[in-house]
C-alpha atoms as a PDB file:
ATOM      1  CA  UNK A   1       0.756  24.759 -10.329  1.00  0.00           C
ATOM      2  CA  UNK A   2       3.501  22.902 -12.175  1.00  0.00           C
ATOM      3  CA  UNK A   3       6.045  25.669 -11.440  1.00  0.00           C
ATOM      4  CA  UNK A   4       5.670  25.205  -7.672  1.00  0.00           C
ATOM      5  CA  UNK A   5       5.211  21.411  -7.573  1.00  0.00           C
ATOM      6  CA  UNK A   6       8.873  20.542  -7.078  1.00  0.00           C
ATOM      7  CA  UNK A   7       9.528  23.222  -4.415  1.00  0.00           C
ATOM      8  CA  UNK A   8       6.460  21.826  -2.654  1.00  0.00           C
ATOM      9  CA  UNK A   9       8.021  18.350  -2.695  1.00  0.00           C
ATOM     10  CA  UNK A  10      11.267  19.743  -1.250  1.00  0.00           C
ATOM     11  CA  UNK A  11       9.410  21.560   1.534  1.00  0.00           C
ATOM     12  CA  UNK A  12       7.480  18.378   2.329  1.00  0.00           C
ATOM     13  CA  UNK A  13      10.787  16.480   2.421  1.00  0.00           C
ATOM     14  CA  UNK A  14      12.179  18.957   4.954  1.00  0.00           C
ATOM     15  CA  UNK A  15       9.107  18.366   7.133  1.00  0.00           C
ATOM     16  CA  UNK A  16       9.592  14.603   6.849  1.00  0.00           C
ATOM     17  CA  UNK A  17      13.258  14.997   7.815  1.00  0.00           C
ATOM     18  CA  UNK A  18      12.252  17.074  10.852  1.00  0.00           C
ATOM     19  CA  UNK A  19       9.731  14.405  11.815  1.00  0.00           C
ATOM     20  CA  UNK A  20      12.527  11.820  11.798  1.00  0.00           C
ATOM     21  CA  UNK A  21      15.057  14.082  13.541  1.00  0.00           C
ATOM     22  CA  UNK A  22      12.584  14.615  16.393  1.00  0.00           C
ATOM     23  CA  UNK A  23      12.297  10.806  16.646  1.00  0.00           C
ATOM     24  CA  UNK A  24       8.557  10.890  16.071  1.00  0.00           C
ATOM     25  CA  UNK A  25       8.617   7.665  14.071  1.00  0.00           C
ATOM     26  CA  UNK A  26       7.739   5.851  17.296  1.00  0.00           C
ATOM     27  CA  UNK A  27       4.236   7.352  17.100  1.00  0.00           C
ATOM     28  CA  UNK A  28       3.322   4.555  14.717  1.00  0.00           C
ATOM     29  CA  UNK A  29       3.359   2.292  17.782  1.00  0.00           C
ATOM     30  CA  UNK A  30       0.050   3.937  18.755  1.00  0.00           C
ATOM     31  CA  UNK A  31      -1.498   1.960  15.925  1.00  0.00           C
ATOM     32  CA  UNK A  32      -2.533  -1.246  17.670  1.00  0.00           C
ATOM     33  CA  UNK A  33      -2.768  -4.631  15.992  1.00  0.00           C
ATOM     34  CA  UNK A  34      -6.548  -4.368  15.720  1.00  0.00           C
ATOM     35  CA  UNK A  35      -6.436  -0.895  14.192  1.00  0.00           C
ATOM     36  CA  UNK A  36      -3.806  -2.174  11.755  1.00  0.00           C
ATOM     37  CA  UNK A  37      -6.100  -5.063  10.840  1.00  0.00           C
ATOM     38  CA  UNK A  38      -8.917  -2.590  10.215  1.00  0.00           C
ATOM     39  CA  UNK A  39      -6.606  -0.484   8.058  1.00  0.00           C
ATOM     40  CA  UNK A  40      -5.562  -3.545   6.048  1.00  0.00           C
ATOM     41  CA  UNK A  41      -9.211  -4.561   5.630  1.00  0.00           C
ATOM     42  CA  UNK A  42     -10.028  -1.152   4.192  1.00  0.00           C
ATOM     43  CA  UNK A  43      -6.917  -1.171   2.010  1.00  0.00           C
ATOM     44  CA  UNK A  44      -7.606  -4.655   0.688  1.00  0.00           C
ATOM     45  CA  UNK A  45     -11.210  -3.793  -0.165  1.00  0.00           C
ATOM     46  CA  UNK A  46     -10.104  -0.595  -1.931  1.00  0.00           C
ATOM     47  CA  UNK A  47      -7.597  -2.597  -3.971  1.00  0.00           C
ATOM     48  CA  UNK A  48     -10.274  -5.110  -4.926  1.00  0.00           C
ATOM     49  CA  UNK A  49     -12.623  -2.299  -5.934  1.00  0.00           C
ATOM     50  CA  UNK A  50      -9.974  -0.549  -8.042  1.00  0.00           C
ATOM     51  CA  UNK A  51      -8.925  -3.707  -9.866  1.00  0.00           C
ATOM     52  CA  UNK A  52     -12.496  -4.787 -10.574  1.00  0.00           C
ATOM     53  CA  UNK A  53     -13.003  -1.380 -12.203  1.00  0.00           C
ATOM     54  CA  UNK A  54     -10.107  -2.278 -14.532  1.00  0.00           C
ATOM     55  CA  UNK A  55     -11.434  -5.748 -15.338  1.00  0.00           C
ATOM     56  CA  UNK A  56     -15.152  -5.112 -15.747  1.00  0.00           C
ATOM     57  CA  UNK A  57     -17.172  -3.015 -18.182  1.00  0.00           C
ATOM     58  CA  UNK A  58     -16.088  -4.744 -21.383  1.00  0.00           C
ATOM     59  CA  UNK A  59     -18.233  -6.893 -23.656  1.00  0.00           C
ATOM     60  CA  UNK A  60     -18.040 -10.146 -25.554  1.00  0.00           C
ATOM     61  CA  UNK A  61     -14.746 -11.879 -26.180  1.00  0.00           C
ATOM     62  CA  UNK A  62     -12.703  -9.001 -24.724  1.00  0.00           C
ATOM     63  CA  UNK A  63     -14.500  -9.308 -21.386  1.00  0.00           C
ATOM     64  CA  UNK A  64     -14.100 -13.078 -21.258  1.00  0.00           C
ATOM     65  CA  UNK A  65     -10.412 -12.939 -22.213  1.00  0.00           C
ATOM     66  CA  UNK A  66      -9.686 -10.185 -19.694  1.00  0.00           C
ATOM     67  CA  UNK A  67     -11.264 -12.130 -16.841  1.00  0.00           C
ATOM     68  CA  UNK A  68      -9.520 -15.341 -17.927  1.00  0.00           C
ATOM     69  CA  UNK A  69      -6.086 -13.678 -17.967  1.00  0.00           C
ATOM     70  CA  UNK A  70      -6.659 -12.107 -14.554  1.00  0.00           C
ATOM     71  CA  UNK A  71      -7.874 -15.395 -13.081  1.00  0.00           C
ATOM     72  CA  UNK A  72      -4.945 -17.332 -14.558  1.00  0.00           C
ATOM     73  CA  UNK A  73      -2.462 -14.777 -13.191  1.00  0.00           C
ATOM     74  CA  UNK A  74      -3.993 -14.815  -9.735  1.00  0.00           C
ATOM     75  CA  UNK A  75      -3.945 -18.614  -9.587  1.00  0.00           C
ATOM     76  CA  UNK A  76      -0.272 -18.734 -10.555  1.00  0.00           C
ATOM     77  CA  UNK A  77       0.562 -16.141  -7.881  1.00  0.00           C
ATOM     78  CA  UNK A  78      -1.296 -18.207  -5.296  1.00  0.00           C
ATOM     79  CA  UNK A  79      -0.264 -21.724  -6.280  1.00  0.00           C
ATOM     80  CA  UNK A  80       3.317 -21.445  -7.551  1.00  0.00           C
ATOM     81  CA  UNK A  81       4.836 -20.904  -4.055  1.00  0.00           C
ATOM     82  CA  UNK A  82       3.427 -24.316  -3.100  1.00  0.00           C
ATOM     83  CA  UNK A  83       5.654 -25.820  -5.799  1.00  0.00           C
ATOM     84  CA  UNK A  84       8.759 -23.603  -5.648  1.00  0.00           C
ATOM     85  CA  UNK A  85       9.880 -20.319  -4.154  1.00  0.00           C
ATOM     86  CA  UNK A  86      12.967 -20.023  -6.355  1.00  0.00           C
ATOM     87  CA  UNK A  87      11.061 -17.721  -8.724  1.00  0.00           C
ATOM     88  CA  UNK A  88       8.868 -14.841  -7.493  1.00  0.00           C
ATOM     89  CA  UNK A  89       5.338 -16.017  -8.199  1.00  0.00           C
ATOM     90  CA  UNK A  90       4.114 -12.600  -9.349  1.00  0.00           C
ATOM     91  CA  UNK A  91       6.917 -12.320 -11.921  1.00  0.00           C
ATOM     92  CA  UNK A  92       6.312 -15.841 -13.211  1.00  0.00           C
ATOM     93  CA  UNK A  93       2.569 -15.184 -13.407  1.00  0.00           C
ATOM     94  CA  UNK A  94       2.954 -12.004 -15.456  1.00  0.00           C
ATOM     95  CA  UNK A  95       5.485 -13.600 -17.835  1.00  0.00           C
ATOM     96  CA  UNK A  96       3.289 -16.651 -18.399  1.00  0.00           C
ATOM     97  CA  UNK A  97       0.132 -14.570 -18.847  1.00  0.00           C
ATOM     98  CA  UNK A  98       1.892 -12.297 -21.344  1.00  0.00           C
ATOM     99  CA  UNK A  99       3.266 -15.224 -23.335  1.00  0.00           C
ATOM    100  CA  UNK A 100      -0.065 -17.057 -23.452  1.00  0.00           C
ATOM    101  CA  UNK A 101      -1.986 -13.902 -24.385  1.00  0.00           C
ATOM    102  CA  UNK A 102       0.394 -13.290 -27.294  1.00  0.00           C
ATOM    103  CA  UNK A 103       0.451 -16.926 -28.404  1.00  0.00           C
ATOM    104  CA  UNK A 104      -3.347 -17.210 -28.334  1.00  0.00           C
ATOM    105  CA  UNK A 105      -3.822 -13.679 -29.704  1.00  0.00           C
ATOM    106  CA  UNK A 106      -6.294 -12.872 -26.955  1.00  0.00           C
ATOM    107  CA  UNK A 107      -8.224  -9.602 -27.323  1.00  0.00           C
ATOM    108  CA  UNK A 108      -6.847  -8.012 -24.143  1.00  0.00           C
ATOM    109  CA  UNK A 109      -5.525  -4.488 -23.594  1.00  0.00           C
ATOM    110  CA  UNK A 110      -1.786  -4.110 -23.040  1.00  0.00           C
ATOM    111  CA  UNK A 111       0.146  -1.424 -21.188  1.00  0.00           C
ATOM    112  CA  UNK A 112       1.462   0.136 -24.396  1.00  0.00           C
ATOM    113  CA  UNK A 113      -1.913   0.186 -26.126  1.00  0.00           C
ATOM    114  CA  UNK A 114      -2.709   3.826 -26.856  1.00  0.00           C
ATOM    115  CA  UNK A 115       0.427   4.907 -25.007  1.00  0.00           C
ATOM    116  CA  UNK A 116       3.307   3.636 -27.151  1.00  0.00           C
ATOM    117  CA  UNK A 117       5.617   6.614 -26.558  1.00  0.00           C
ATOM    118  CA  UNK A 118       5.766   5.865 -22.843  1.00  0.00           C
ATOM    119  CA  UNK A 119       7.173   2.417 -23.562  1.00  0.00           C
ATOM    120  CA  UNK A 120       9.753   3.442 -26.180  1.00  0.00           C
ATOM    121  CA  UNK A 121      12.614   2.939 -23.716  1.00  0.00           C
ATOM    122  CA  UNK A 122      16.204   4.002 -24.332  1.00  0.00           C
ATOM    123  CA  UNK A 123      18.500   6.471 -22.623  1.00  0.00           C
ATOM    124  CA  UNK A 124      16.208   9.378 -23.481  1.00  0.00           C
ATOM    125  CA  UNK A 125      13.894   8.378 -20.633  1.00  0.00           C
ATOM    126  CA  UNK A 126      16.605   8.863 -17.998  1.00  0.00           C
ATOM    127  CA  UNK A 127      16.124  11.914 -15.750  1.00  0.00           C
ATOM    128  CA  UNK A 128      18.343  14.973 -15.937  1.00  0.00           C
ATOM    129  CA  UNK A 129      19.217  17.758 -13.533  1.00  0.00           C
ATOM    130  CA  UNK A 130      16.604  20.003 -15.168  1.00  0.00           C
ATOM    131  CA  UNK A 131      14.614  19.980 -11.966  1.00  0.00           C
ATOM    132  CA  UNK A 132      17.327  21.993 -10.220  1.00  0.00           C
ATOM    133  CA  UNK A 133      16.480  24.933 -12.444  1.00  0.00           C
ATOM    134  CA  UNK A 134      12.825  24.654 -11.480  1.00  0.00           C
ATOM    135  CA  UNK A 135      13.796  24.733  -7.806  1.00  0.00           C
ATOM    136  CA  UNK A 136      15.972  27.813  -8.133  1.00  0.00           C
ATOM    137  CA  UNK A 137      13.619  29.645 -10.493  1.00  0.00           C
ATOM    138  CA  UNK A 138      10.828  29.827  -7.918  1.00  0.00           C
ATOM    139  CA  UNK A 139      11.313  32.711  -5.458  1.00  0.00           C
ATOM    140  CA  UNK A 140      11.324  31.329  -1.921  1.00  0.00           C
ATOM    141  CA  UNK A 141       9.347  34.234  -0.504  1.00  0.00           C
ATOM    142  CA  UNK A 142       6.570  34.487   2.062  1.00  0.00           C
ATOM    143  CA  UNK A 143       4.043  34.663  -0.776  1.00  0.00           C
ATOM    144  CA  UNK A 144       5.370  31.419  -2.254  1.00  0.00           C
ATOM    145  CA  UNK A 145       5.344  29.697   1.123  1.00  0.00           C
ATOM    146  CA  UNK A 146       1.719  30.707   1.672  1.00  0.00           C
ATOM    147  CA  UNK A 147       0.859  28.855  -1.532  1.00  0.00           C
ATOM    148  CA  UNK A 148       2.936  25.702  -1.085  1.00  0.00           C
ATOM    149  CA  UNK A 149       2.967  25.278   2.714  1.00  0.00           C
ATOM    150  CA  UNK A 150      -0.549  23.759   3.146  1.00  0.00           C
ATOM    151  CA  UNK A 151       0.038  21.329   0.281  1.00  0.00           C
ATOM    152  CA  UNK A 152       3.474  20.405   1.623  1.00  0.00           C
ATOM    153  CA  UNK A 153       1.995  19.661   5.058  1.00  0.00           C
ATOM    154  CA  UNK A 154      -0.577  17.346   3.485  1.00  0.00           C
ATOM    155  CA  UNK A 155       2.069  15.572   1.379  1.00  0.00           C
ATOM    156  CA  UNK A 156       4.370  15.176   4.376  1.00  0.00           C
ATOM    157  CA  UNK A 157       1.672  13.776   6.655  1.00  0.00           C
ATOM    158  CA  UNK A 158       0.407  11.290   4.069  1.00  0.00           C
ATOM    159  CA  UNK A 159       3.963  10.232   3.186  1.00  0.00           C
ATOM    160  CA  UNK A 160       4.961   9.713   6.817  1.00  0.00           C
ATOM    161  CA  UNK A 161       1.790   7.798   7.657  1.00  0.00           C
ATOM    162  CA  UNK A 162       1.868   5.557   4.586  1.00  0.00           C
ATOM    163  CA  UNK A 163       5.584   4.845   4.901  1.00  0.00           C
ATOM    164  CA  UNK A 164       5.483   4.058   8.620  1.00  0.00           C
ATOM    165  CA  UNK A 165       2.444   1.836   8.205  1.00  0.00           C
ATOM    166  CA  UNK A 166       4.157  -0.020   5.360  1.00  0.00           C
ATOM    167  CA  UNK A 167       7.181  -0.460   7.617  1.00  0.00           C
ATOM    168  CA  UNK A 168       4.976  -1.708  10.460  1.00  0.00           C
ATOM    169  CA  UNK A 169       3.244  -4.246   8.220  1.00  0.00           C
ATOM    170  CA  UNK A 170       6.568  -5.606   6.963  1.00  0.00           C
ATOM    171  CA  UNK A 171       8.067  -5.601  10.476  1.00  0.00           C
ATOM    172  CA  UNK A 172       5.140  -7.685  11.742  1.00  0.00           C
ATOM    173  CA  UNK A 173       5.513 -10.124   8.863  1.00  0.00           C
ATOM    174  CA  UNK A 174       9.264 -10.322   9.455  1.00  0.00           C
ATOM    175  CA  UNK A 175       8.672 -11.055  13.135  1.00  0.00           C
ATOM    176  CA  UNK A 176       6.143 -13.754  12.299  1.00  0.00           C
ATOM    177  CA  UNK A 177       8.544 -15.322   9.808  1.00  0.00           C
ATOM    178  CA  UNK A 178      11.536 -15.114  12.153  1.00  0.00           C
ATOM    179  CA  UNK A 179      13.288 -12.481  10.031  1.00  0.00           C
ATOM    180  CA  UNK A 180      15.021  -9.291  11.146  1.00  0.00           C
ATOM    181  CA  UNK A 181      13.134  -5.987  11.101  1.00  0.00           C
ATOM    182  CA  UNK A 182      14.050  -3.145   8.769  1.00  0.00           C
ATOM    183  CA  UNK A 183      15.541  -0.993  11.536  1.00  0.00           C
ATOM    184  CA  UNK A 184      14.765   2.482  12.817  1.00  0.00           C
ATOM    185  CA  UNK A 185      11.649   4.254  11.576  1.00  0.00           C
ATOM    186  CA  UNK A 186      13.459   7.552  12.077  1.00  0.00           C
ATOM    187  CA  UNK A 187      16.261   6.512   9.718  1.00  0.00           C
ATOM    188  CA  UNK A 188      13.567   5.373   7.304  1.00  0.00           C
ATOM    189  CA  UNK A 189      12.067   8.874   7.351  1.00  0.00           C
ATOM    190  CA  UNK A 190      15.493  10.445   6.827  1.00  0.00           C
ATOM    191  CA  UNK A 191      15.984   8.274   3.757  1.00  0.00           C
ATOM    192  CA  UNK A 192      12.503   9.139   2.509  1.00  0.00           C
ATOM    193  CA  UNK A 193      13.261  12.856   2.835  1.00  0.00           C
ATOM    194  CA  UNK A 194      16.582  12.526   0.994  1.00  0.00           C
ATOM    195  CA  UNK A 195      14.935  10.526  -1.777  1.00  0.00           C
ATOM    196  CA  UNK A 196      12.245  13.139  -2.281  1.00  0.00           C
ATOM    197  CA  UNK A 197      14.790  15.956  -2.530  1.00  0.00           C
ATOM    198  CA  UNK A 198      16.750  13.956  -5.110  1.00  0.00           C
ATOM    199  CA  UNK A 199      13.540  13.206  -7.005  1.00  0.00           C
ATOM    200  CA  UNK A 200      12.604  16.872  -7.171  1.00  0.00           C
ATOM    201  CA  UNK A 201      16.124  17.809  -8.301  1.00  0.00           C
ATOM    202  CA  UNK A 202      15.894  15.261 -11.122  1.00  0.00           C
ATOM    203  CA  UNK A 203      12.518  16.560 -12.268  1.00  0.00           C
ATOM    204  CA  UNK A 204      10.363  14.011 -10.444  1.00  0.00           C
ATOM    205  CA  UNK A 205       7.429  14.444  -8.109  1.00  0.00           C
ATOM    206  CA  UNK A 206       8.549  12.521  -5.049  1.00  0.00           C
ATOM    207  CA  UNK A 207       6.898   9.541  -3.439  1.00  0.00           C
ATOM    208  CA  UNK A 208       6.656   7.427  -0.310  1.00  0.00           C
ATOM    209  CA  UNK A 209       6.435   3.844   0.877  1.00  0.00           C
ATOM    210  CA  UNK A 210       3.330   2.210  -0.591  1.00  0.00           C
ATOM    211  CA  UNK A 211       1.749  -0.657   1.294  1.00  0.00           C
ATOM    212  CA  UNK A 212       0.477  -2.659  -1.741  1.00  0.00           C
ATOM    213  CA  UNK A 213       3.875  -2.589  -3.469  1.00  0.00           C
ATOM    214  CA  UNK A 214       5.642  -3.283  -0.171  1.00  0.00           C
ATOM    215  CA  UNK A 215       3.411  -6.283   0.457  1.00  0.00           C
ATOM    216  CA  UNK A 216       3.969  -7.493  -3.105  1.00  0.00           C
ATOM    217  CA  UNK A 217       7.730  -7.247  -2.619  1.00  0.00           C
ATOM    218  CA  UNK A 218       7.563  -9.091   0.698  1.00  0.00           C
ATOM    219  CA  UNK A 219       5.249 -11.772  -0.660  1.00  0.00           C
ATOM    220  CA  UNK A 220       7.616 -12.233  -3.612  1.00  0.00           C
ATOM    221  CA  UNK A 221      10.475 -13.103  -1.278  1.00  0.00           C
ATOM    222  CA  UNK A 222      11.858  -9.674  -0.311  1.00  0.00           C
ATOM    223  CA  UNK A 223      13.881  -9.975   2.900  1.00  0.00           C
ATOM    224  CA  UNK A 224      15.141  -6.470   3.733  1.00  0.00           C
ATOM    225  CA  UNK A 225      16.366  -3.104   2.525  1.00  0.00           C
ATOM    226  CA  UNK A 226      18.475  -4.700  -0.221  1.00  0.00           C
ATOM    227  CA  UNK A 227      15.348  -6.125  -1.833  1.00  0.00           C
ATOM    228  CA  UNK A 228      13.803  -2.638  -1.911  1.00  0.00           C
ATOM    229  CA  UNK A 229      16.930  -1.276  -3.623  1.00  0.00           C
ATOM    230  CA  UNK A 230      16.793  -4.164  -6.077  1.00  0.00           C
ATOM    231  CA  UNK A 231      13.106  -3.433  -6.678  1.00  0.00           C
ATOM    232  CA  UNK A 232      13.885   0.180  -7.609  1.00  0.00           C
ATOM    233  CA  UNK A 233      16.978  -0.684  -9.664  1.00  0.00           C
ATOM    234  CA  UNK A 234      15.090  -3.362 -11.577  1.00  0.00           C
ATOM    235  CA  UNK A 235      12.299  -0.928 -12.311  1.00  0.00           C
ATOM    236  CA  UNK A 236      14.764   1.636 -13.633  1.00  0.00           C
ATOM    237  CA  UNK A 237      16.541  -0.956 -15.738  1.00  0.00           C
ATOM    238  CA  UNK A 238      13.268  -2.193 -17.188  1.00  0.00           C
ATOM    239  CA  UNK A 239      12.202   1.326 -18.128  1.00  0.00           C
ATOM    240  CA  UNK A 240      15.444   1.871 -20.045  1.00  0.00           C
ATOM    241  CA  UNK A 241      16.167  -1.575 -21.470  1.00  0.00           C
ATOM    242  CA  UNK A 242      12.930  -3.517 -21.564  1.00  0.00           C
ATOM    243  CA  UNK A 243      10.180  -0.933 -21.951  1.00  0.00           C
ATOM    244  CA  UNK A 244       8.841  -2.339 -25.265  1.00  0.00           C
ATOM    245  CA  UNK A 245       8.583  -5.825 -23.726  1.00  0.00           C
ATOM    246  CA  UNK A 246       6.858  -4.405 -20.659  1.00  0.00           C
ATOM    247  CA  UNK A 247       4.434  -2.602 -22.939  1.00  0.00           C
ATOM    248  CA  UNK A 248       3.233  -5.996 -24.178  1.00  0.00           C
ATOM    249  CA  UNK A 249       2.077  -7.044 -20.697  1.00  0.00           C
ATOM    250  CA  UNK A 250      -1.719  -7.379 -20.502  1.00  0.00           C
ATOM    251  CA  UNK A 251      -3.316  -4.935 -18.087  1.00  0.00           C
ATOM    252  CA  UNK A 252      -5.481  -7.809 -16.853  1.00  0.00           C
ATOM    253  CA  UNK A 253      -2.423  -9.770 -15.693  1.00  0.00           C
ATOM    254  CA  UNK A 254      -1.293  -6.898 -13.466  1.00  0.00           C
ATOM    255  CA  UNK A 255      -4.830  -6.604 -12.144  1.00  0.00           C
ATOM    256  CA  UNK A 256      -4.699 -10.318 -11.356  1.00  0.00           C
ATOM    257  CA  UNK A 257      -1.488  -9.844  -9.371  1.00  0.00           C
ATOM    258  CA  UNK A 258      -2.961  -6.941  -7.409  1.00  0.00           C
ATOM    259  CA  UNK A 259      -6.155  -8.887  -6.722  1.00  0.00           C
ATOM    260  CA  UNK A 260      -4.064 -11.709  -5.274  1.00  0.00           C
ATOM    261  CA  UNK A 261      -2.281  -9.150  -3.075  1.00  0.00           C
ATOM    262  CA  UNK A 262      -5.608  -7.555  -2.130  1.00  0.00           C
ATOM    263  CA  UNK A 263      -7.231 -10.804  -1.009  1.00  0.00           C
ATOM    264  CA  UNK A 264      -4.107 -11.626   1.023  1.00  0.00           C
ATOM    265  CA  UNK A 265      -4.266  -8.155   2.580  1.00  0.00           C
ATOM    266  CA  UNK A 266      -7.813  -8.485   3.932  1.00  0.00           C
ATOM    267  CA  UNK A 267      -7.529  -9.792   7.491  1.00  0.00           C
ATOM    268  CA  UNK A 268     -10.208 -12.492   7.437  1.00  0.00           C
ATOM    269  CA  UNK A 269      -8.704 -14.649  10.171  1.00  0.00           C
ATOM    270  CA  UNK A 270      -7.806 -11.695  12.370  1.00  0.00           C
ATOM    271  CA  UNK A 271     -11.251 -10.143  12.052  1.00  0.00           C
ATOM    272  CA  UNK A 272     -12.949 -13.473  12.762  1.00  0.00           C
ATOM    273  CA  UNK A 273     -10.775 -13.952  15.846  1.00  0.00           C
ATOM    274  CA  UNK A 274     -11.655 -10.448  17.080  1.00  0.00           C
ATOM    275  CA  UNK A 275     -15.381 -11.188  16.671  1.00  0.00           C
ATOM    276  CA  UNK A 276     -15.048 -14.449  18.596  1.00  0.00           C
ATOM    277  CA  UNK A 277     -13.070 -12.757  21.367  1.00  0.00           C
ATOM    278  CA  UNK A 278     -15.794 -10.102  21.743  1.00  0.00           C
ATOM    279  CA  UNK A 279     -18.590 -12.670  21.944  1.00  0.00           C
ATOM    280  CA  UNK A 280     -19.858 -12.989  25.535  1.00  0.00           C
ATOM    281  CA  UNK A 281     -19.011 -16.242  27.274  1.00  0.00           C
ATOM    282  CA  UNK A 282     -20.563 -17.450  30.506  1.00  0.00           C
ATOM    283  CA  UNK A 283     -22.738 -14.382  30.881  1.00  0.00           C
ATOM    284  CA  UNK A 284     -19.862 -11.872  30.760  1.00  0.00           C
ATOM    285  CA  UNK A 285     -18.733  -9.351  28.180  1.00  0.00           C
ATOM    286  CA  UNK A 286     -15.012  -8.974  27.629  1.00  0.00           C
ATOM    287  CA  UNK A 287     -15.188  -5.220  27.123  1.00  0.00           C
ATOM    288  CA  UNK A 288     -11.501  -5.007  26.171  1.00  0.00           C
ATOM    289  CA  UNK A 289     -12.188  -7.382  23.280  1.00  0.00           C
ATOM    290  CA  UNK A 290     -15.359  -5.431  22.409  1.00  0.00           C
ATOM    291  CA  UNK A 291     -13.341  -2.190  22.334  1.00  0.00           C
ATOM    292  CA  UNK A 292     -10.764  -3.819  20.059  1.00  0.00           C
ATOM    293  CA  UNK A 293     -13.496  -5.082  17.737  1.00  0.00           C
ATOM    294  CA  UNK A 294     -15.186  -1.679  17.565  1.00  0.00           C
ATOM    295  CA  UNK A 295     -11.853  -0.036  16.726  1.00  0.00           C
ATOM    296  CA  UNK A 296     -11.135  -2.691  14.079  1.00  0.00           C
ATOM    297  CA  UNK A 297     -14.532  -2.379  12.392  1.00  0.00           C
ATOM    298  CA  UNK A 298     -14.568   1.428  12.581  1.00  0.00           C
ATOM    299  CA  UNK A 299     -11.096   1.637  11.044  1.00  0.00           C
ATOM    300  CA  UNK A 300     -12.133  -0.812   8.313  1.00  0.00           C
ATOM    301  CA  UNK A 301     -15.264   1.125   7.364  1.00  0.00           C
ATOM    302  CA  UNK A 302     -13.771   4.615   7.504  1.00  0.00           C
ATOM    303  CA  UNK A 303     -10.631   3.563   5.605  1.00  0.00           C
ATOM    304  CA  UNK A 304     -12.791   2.088   2.844  1.00  0.00           C
ATOM    305  CA  UNK A 305     -15.608   4.635   2.598  1.00  0.00           C
ATOM    306  CA  UNK A 306     -13.988   7.908   3.737  1.00  0.00           C
ATOM    307  CA  UNK A 307     -10.232   8.247   4.060  1.00  0.00           C
ATOM    308  CA  UNK A 308      -7.428   5.948   5.160  1.00  0.00           C
ATOM    309  CA  UNK A 309      -5.709   8.465   7.438  1.00  0.00           C
ATOM    310  CA  UNK A 310      -9.041   9.307   9.068  1.00  0.00           C
ATOM    311  CA  UNK A 311      -9.700   5.603   9.632  1.00  0.00           C
ATOM    312  CA  UNK A 312      -6.359   5.166  11.395  1.00  0.00           C
ATOM    313  CA  UNK A 313      -6.904   8.233  13.605  1.00  0.00           C
ATOM    314  CA  UNK A 314     -10.439   7.128  14.520  1.00  0.00           C
ATOM    315  CA  UNK A 315      -9.293   3.600  15.318  1.00  0.00           C
ATOM    316  CA  UNK A 316      -6.486   4.838  17.591  1.00  0.00           C
ATOM    317  CA  UNK A 317      -8.866   7.281  19.321  1.00  0.00           C
ATOM    318  CA  UNK A 318     -11.463   4.565  19.961  1.00  0.00           C
ATOM    319  CA  UNK A 319      -8.789   2.278  21.363  1.00  0.00           C
ATOM    320  CA  UNK A 320      -7.878   4.977  23.882  1.00  0.00           C
ATOM    321  CA  UNK A 321     -11.356   6.092  24.967  1.00  0.00           C
ATOM    322  CA  UNK A 322     -13.452   2.918  25.027  1.00  0.00           C
ATOM    323  CA  UNK A 323     -13.665   1.075  28.370  1.00  0.00           C
ATOM    324  CA  UNK A 324     -11.537  -2.034  28.633  1.00  0.00           C
ATOM    325  CA  UNK A 325     -12.701  -3.758  31.849  1.00  0.00           C
ATOM    326  CA  UNK A 326     -14.797  -6.930  31.984  1.00  0.00           C
ATOM    327  CA  UNK A 327     -18.517  -6.580  32.664  1.00  0.00           C
ATOM    328  CA  UNK A 328     -21.466  -8.894  33.127  1.00  0.00           C
ATOM    329  CA  UNK A 329     -24.394  -9.413  30.817  1.00  0.00           C
ATOM    330  CA  UNK A 330     -27.739  -8.305  32.237  1.00  0.00           C
ATOM    331  CA  UNK A 331     -29.206 -11.267  34.090  1.00  0.00           C
ATOM    332  CA  UNK A 332     -32.503 -12.610  32.823  1.00  0.00           C
ATOM    333  CA  UNK A 333     -35.451 -12.228  35.192  1.00  0.00           C
ATOM    334  CA  UNK A 334     -36.102 -15.559  36.882  1.00  0.00           C
ATOM    335  CA  UNK A 335     -39.559 -16.962  36.409  1.00  0.00           C
ATOM    336  CA  UNK A 336     -41.685 -17.166  39.573  1.00  0.00           C
ATOM    337  CA  UNK A 337     -41.626 -20.569  41.163  1.00  0.00           C
ATOM    338  CA  UNK A 338     -44.827 -22.575  41.060  1.00  0.00           C
END
């Protein structure tokens, strides 16, 4: 219920803090590169599916305009970095799409359409310490814990997994680009726990590291923790100072940005390389490569069709249990000599 939601967030935050204090952040290293590729495949496909649901289902001019705005935005996101990296391509794409939609009076839905109060802006939208009262009003008894504990465990596990995977994705990109990593996963979890407690105290509902937004930040030029702070500060400033302008942004342009992120998330090259590595050469199977491919494909399918956490767990389990030695293909029976 609403009365126990914030205490649940606090309890989940305490679990996250304990996870970091016990230095369990290293468990994310169990997620191999191939399982991570499978996870990203599933994530990318889910993003594509969700954004297509936003873009499709209209009729006539509205459908055509919506698709055109999304396509234009995606092309700007993809092509602008080839010209300049001085401006984040996603920001430039959204600004241009918004300006063109307004100038051409395109029949596209905007963020504020049907939800104008949310984009009123001003100091009234700033949080207060009202959430502290909600935390102290709930009796922290055994009966309360029986209600909130299972939910808090679920929130904590999902938050830890999503945050650590987001960190792993960015760390791998940073390594590939020659940049420094973001530091200790355990400190990351401590910060996540502190942020969730503060969120609950201010009347919020907590949160965690999200891979799509993290990828978007990294692909827009983010280079470390400071960029994440800037991301959050900019969002807060926009909500207070620029909410009416943000309300004019076409929904299709944001869908176009997320589609560009989604297509970049799907590991086409990595999956193709895994398939080639598992293909028998010279009459021999490379069973280690086959095991990696099975884990990759299983993680991809389960993440997309069932559950992302389940896909990760299955992929890690398959990596551990499948045989990894080389073996020969069955030899064909030789034809009898004449």
